[in-house]
Amino acid sequence: MAFEDDDFLEVLDEDDLYEEISKLKICLEEKNMIINTLTFQLTEREKHNKKLECEIVGLRKDIKKTKALNLRFTKGSETLSKIIKV
């Protein structure tokens, strides 16, 4: 025996429907809060990563400068050693 749409609605209890709707609403709100929290955390991580990338670029520049100075000191040390030998 098939139910008509009207028959189906009559069988449902109105309080049960409101309770189910309330549960679904709470569940949806919780999921939205989770999504907002995760979005915020992702944004913070992206900012932190950007900061670290800038720091890495700065450190690479410092390493280049240090290598150049080290090369000059090494050449100067070799020249000084030659002068002392003479």
C-alpha atoms as a PDB file:
ATOM      1  CA  MET A   1       0.000   0.000   0.000  1.00  0.00           C
ATOM      2  CA  ALA A   2       1.579   3.296  -1.090  1.00  0.00           C
ATOM      3  CA  PHE A   3       1.384   6.507   0.914  1.00  0.00           C
ATOM      4  CA  GLU A   4       0.272   9.697  -0.677  1.00  0.00           C
ATOM      5  CA  ASP A   5       2.314  12.814   0.176  1.00  0.00           C
ATOM      6  CA  ASP A   6      -0.474  14.085   2.419  1.00  0.00           C
ATOM      7  CA  ASP A   7      -0.736  10.748   4.234  1.00  0.00           C
ATOM      8  CA  PHE A   8       3.014  10.745   4.899  1.00  0.00           C
ATOM      9  CA  LEU A   9       2.912  14.237   6.410  1.00  0.00           C
ATOM     10  CA  GLU A  10       0.034  13.266   8.676  1.00  0.00           C
ATOM     11  CA  VAL A  11       2.032  10.338  10.075  1.00  0.00           C
ATOM     12  CA  LEU A  12       4.982  12.555  11.029  1.00  0.00           C
ATOM     13  CA  ASP A  13       4.854  14.169  14.430  1.00  0.00           C
ATOM     14  CA  GLU A  14       5.373  17.913  14.320  1.00  0.00           C
ATOM     15  CA  ASP A  15       7.484  17.898  17.503  1.00  0.00           C
ATOM     16  CA  ASP A  16       9.757  15.217  16.058  1.00  0.00           C
ATOM     17  CA  LEU A  17      10.251  17.334  12.958  1.00  0.00           C
ATOM     18  CA  TYR A  18      11.193  20.409  15.000  1.00  0.00           C
ATOM     19  CA  GLU A  19      13.543  18.324  17.112  1.00  0.00           C
ATOM     20  CA  GLU A  20      15.219  16.865  14.029  1.00  0.00           C
ATOM     21  CA  ILE A  21      15.478  20.299  12.422  1.00  0.00           C
ATOM     22  CA  SER A  22      17.022  21.665  15.634  1.00  0.00           C
ATOM     23  CA  LYS A  23      19.575  18.843  15.693  1.00  0.00           C
ATOM     24  CA  LEU A  24      20.445  19.446  12.065  1.00  0.00           C
ATOM     25  CA  LYS A  25      20.762  23.181  12.686  1.00  0.00           C
ATOM     26  CA  ILE A  26      23.131  22.600  15.616  1.00  0.00           C
ATOM     27  CA  CYS A  27      25.163  20.154  13.551  1.00  0.00           C
ATOM     28  CA  LEU A  28      25.398  22.669  10.713  1.00  0.00           C
ATOM     29  CA  GLU A  29      26.485  25.439  13.100  1.00  0.00           C
ATOM     30  CA  GLU A  30      29.173  23.171  14.585  1.00  0.00           C
ATOM     31  CA  LYS A  31      30.462  22.304  11.144  1.00  0.00           C
ATOM     32  CA  ASN A  32      30.523  25.987  10.180  1.00  0.00           C
ATOM     33  CA  MET A  33      32.514  26.772  13.342  1.00  0.00           C
ATOM     34  CA  ILE A  34      34.974  24.014  12.470  1.00  0.00           C
ATOM     35  CA  ILE A  35      35.307  25.339   8.927  1.00  0.00           C
ATOM     36  CA  ASN A  36      35.877  28.882  10.225  1.00  0.00           C
ATOM     37  CA  THR A  37      38.478  27.667  12.710  1.00  0.00           C
ATOM     38  CA  LEU A  38      40.314  25.652  10.073  1.00  0.00           C
ATOM     39  CA  THR A  39      40.190  28.565   7.635  1.00  0.00           C
ATOM     40  CA  PHE A  40      41.674  30.858  10.283  1.00  0.00           C
ATOM     41  CA  GLN A  41      44.403  28.330  11.109  1.00  0.00           C
ATOM     42  CA  LEU A  42      45.205  27.912   7.422  1.00  0.00           C
ATOM     43  CA  THR A  43      45.477  31.688   6.972  1.00  0.00           C
ATOM     44  CA  GLU A  44      47.798  31.926   9.995  1.00  0.00           C
ATOM     45  CA  ARG A  45      49.962  29.091   8.652  1.00  0.00           C
ATOM     46  CA  GLU A  46      50.194  30.801   5.269  1.00  0.00           C
ATOM     47  CA  LYS A  47      51.302  34.048   6.970  1.00  0.00           C
ATOM     48  CA  HIS A  48      53.868  32.119   9.017  1.00  0.00           C
ATOM     49  CA  ASN A  49      55.158  30.325   5.896  1.00  0.00           C
ATOM     50  CA  LYS A  50      55.469  33.642   4.057  1.00  0.00           C
ATOM     51  CA  LYS A  51      57.468  35.063   6.970  1.00  0.00           C
ATOM     52  CA  LEU A  52      59.753  32.011   6.964  1.00  0.00           C
ATOM     53  CA  GLU A  53      60.252  32.281   3.204  1.00  0.00           C
ATOM     54  CA  CYS A  54      61.346  35.915   3.606  1.00  0.00           C
ATOM     55  CA  GLU A  55      63.701  34.879   6.397  1.00  0.00           C
ATOM     56  CA  ILE A  56      65.195  32.149   4.200  1.00  0.00           C
ATOM     57  CA  VAL A  57      65.795  34.639   1.380  1.00  0.00           C
ATOM     58  CA  GLY A  58      67.543  36.987   3.837  1.00  0.00           C
ATOM     59  CA  LEU A  59      69.696  34.175   5.213  1.00  0.00           C
ATOM     60  CA  ARG A  60      70.695  33.084   1.705  1.00  0.00           C
ATOM     61  CA  LYS A  61      71.824  36.654   0.987  1.00  0.00           C
ATOM     62  CA  ASP A  62      73.826  36.666   4.225  1.00  0.00           C
ATOM     63  CA  ILE A  63      75.462  33.363   3.270  1.00  0.00           C
ATOM     64  CA  LYS A  64      76.468  34.785  -0.115  1.00  0.00           C
ATOM     65  CA  LYS A  65      78.035  37.816   1.555  1.00  0.00           C
ATOM     66  CA  THR A  66      79.810  35.612   4.095  1.00  0.00           C
ATOM     67  CA  LYS A  67      81.171  33.351   1.363  1.00  0.00           C
ATOM     68  CA  ALA A  68      82.539  36.367  -0.498  1.00  0.00           C
ATOM     69  CA  LEU A  69      84.202  37.700   2.675  1.00  0.00           C
ATOM     70  CA  ASN A  70      85.576  34.275   3.522  1.00  0.00           C
ATOM     71  CA  LEU A  71      87.077  33.983   0.030  1.00  0.00           C
ATOM     72  CA  ARG A  72      88.740  37.389   0.431  1.00  0.00           C
ATOM     73  CA  PHE A  73      90.143  36.443   3.843  1.00  0.00           C
ATOM     74  CA  THR A  74      91.427  33.138   2.468  1.00  0.00           C
ATOM     75  CA  LYS A  75      93.206  34.879  -0.409  1.00  0.00           C
ATOM     76  CA  GLY A  76      94.585  37.484   1.989  1.00  0.00           C
ATOM     77  CA  SER A  77      95.810  34.747   4.326  1.00  0.00           C
ATOM     78  CA  GLU A  78      97.540  32.955   1.442  1.00  0.00           C
ATOM     79  CA  THR A  79      99.173  36.222   0.342  1.00  0.00           C
ATOM     80  CA  LEU A  80     100.332  36.923   3.912  1.00  0.00           C
ATOM     81  CA  SER A  81     101.790  33.426   4.182  1.00  0.00           C
ATOM     82  CA  LYS A  82     103.738  33.950   0.942  1.00  0.00           C
ATOM     83  CA  ILE A  83     105.063  37.303   2.207  1.00  0.00           C
ATOM     84  CA  ILE A  84     106.152  35.771   5.494  1.00  0.00           C
ATOM     85  CA  LYS A  85     107.971  32.939   3.697  1.00  0.00           C
ATOM     86  CA  VAL A  86     109.877  35.460   1.625  1.00  0.00           C
END
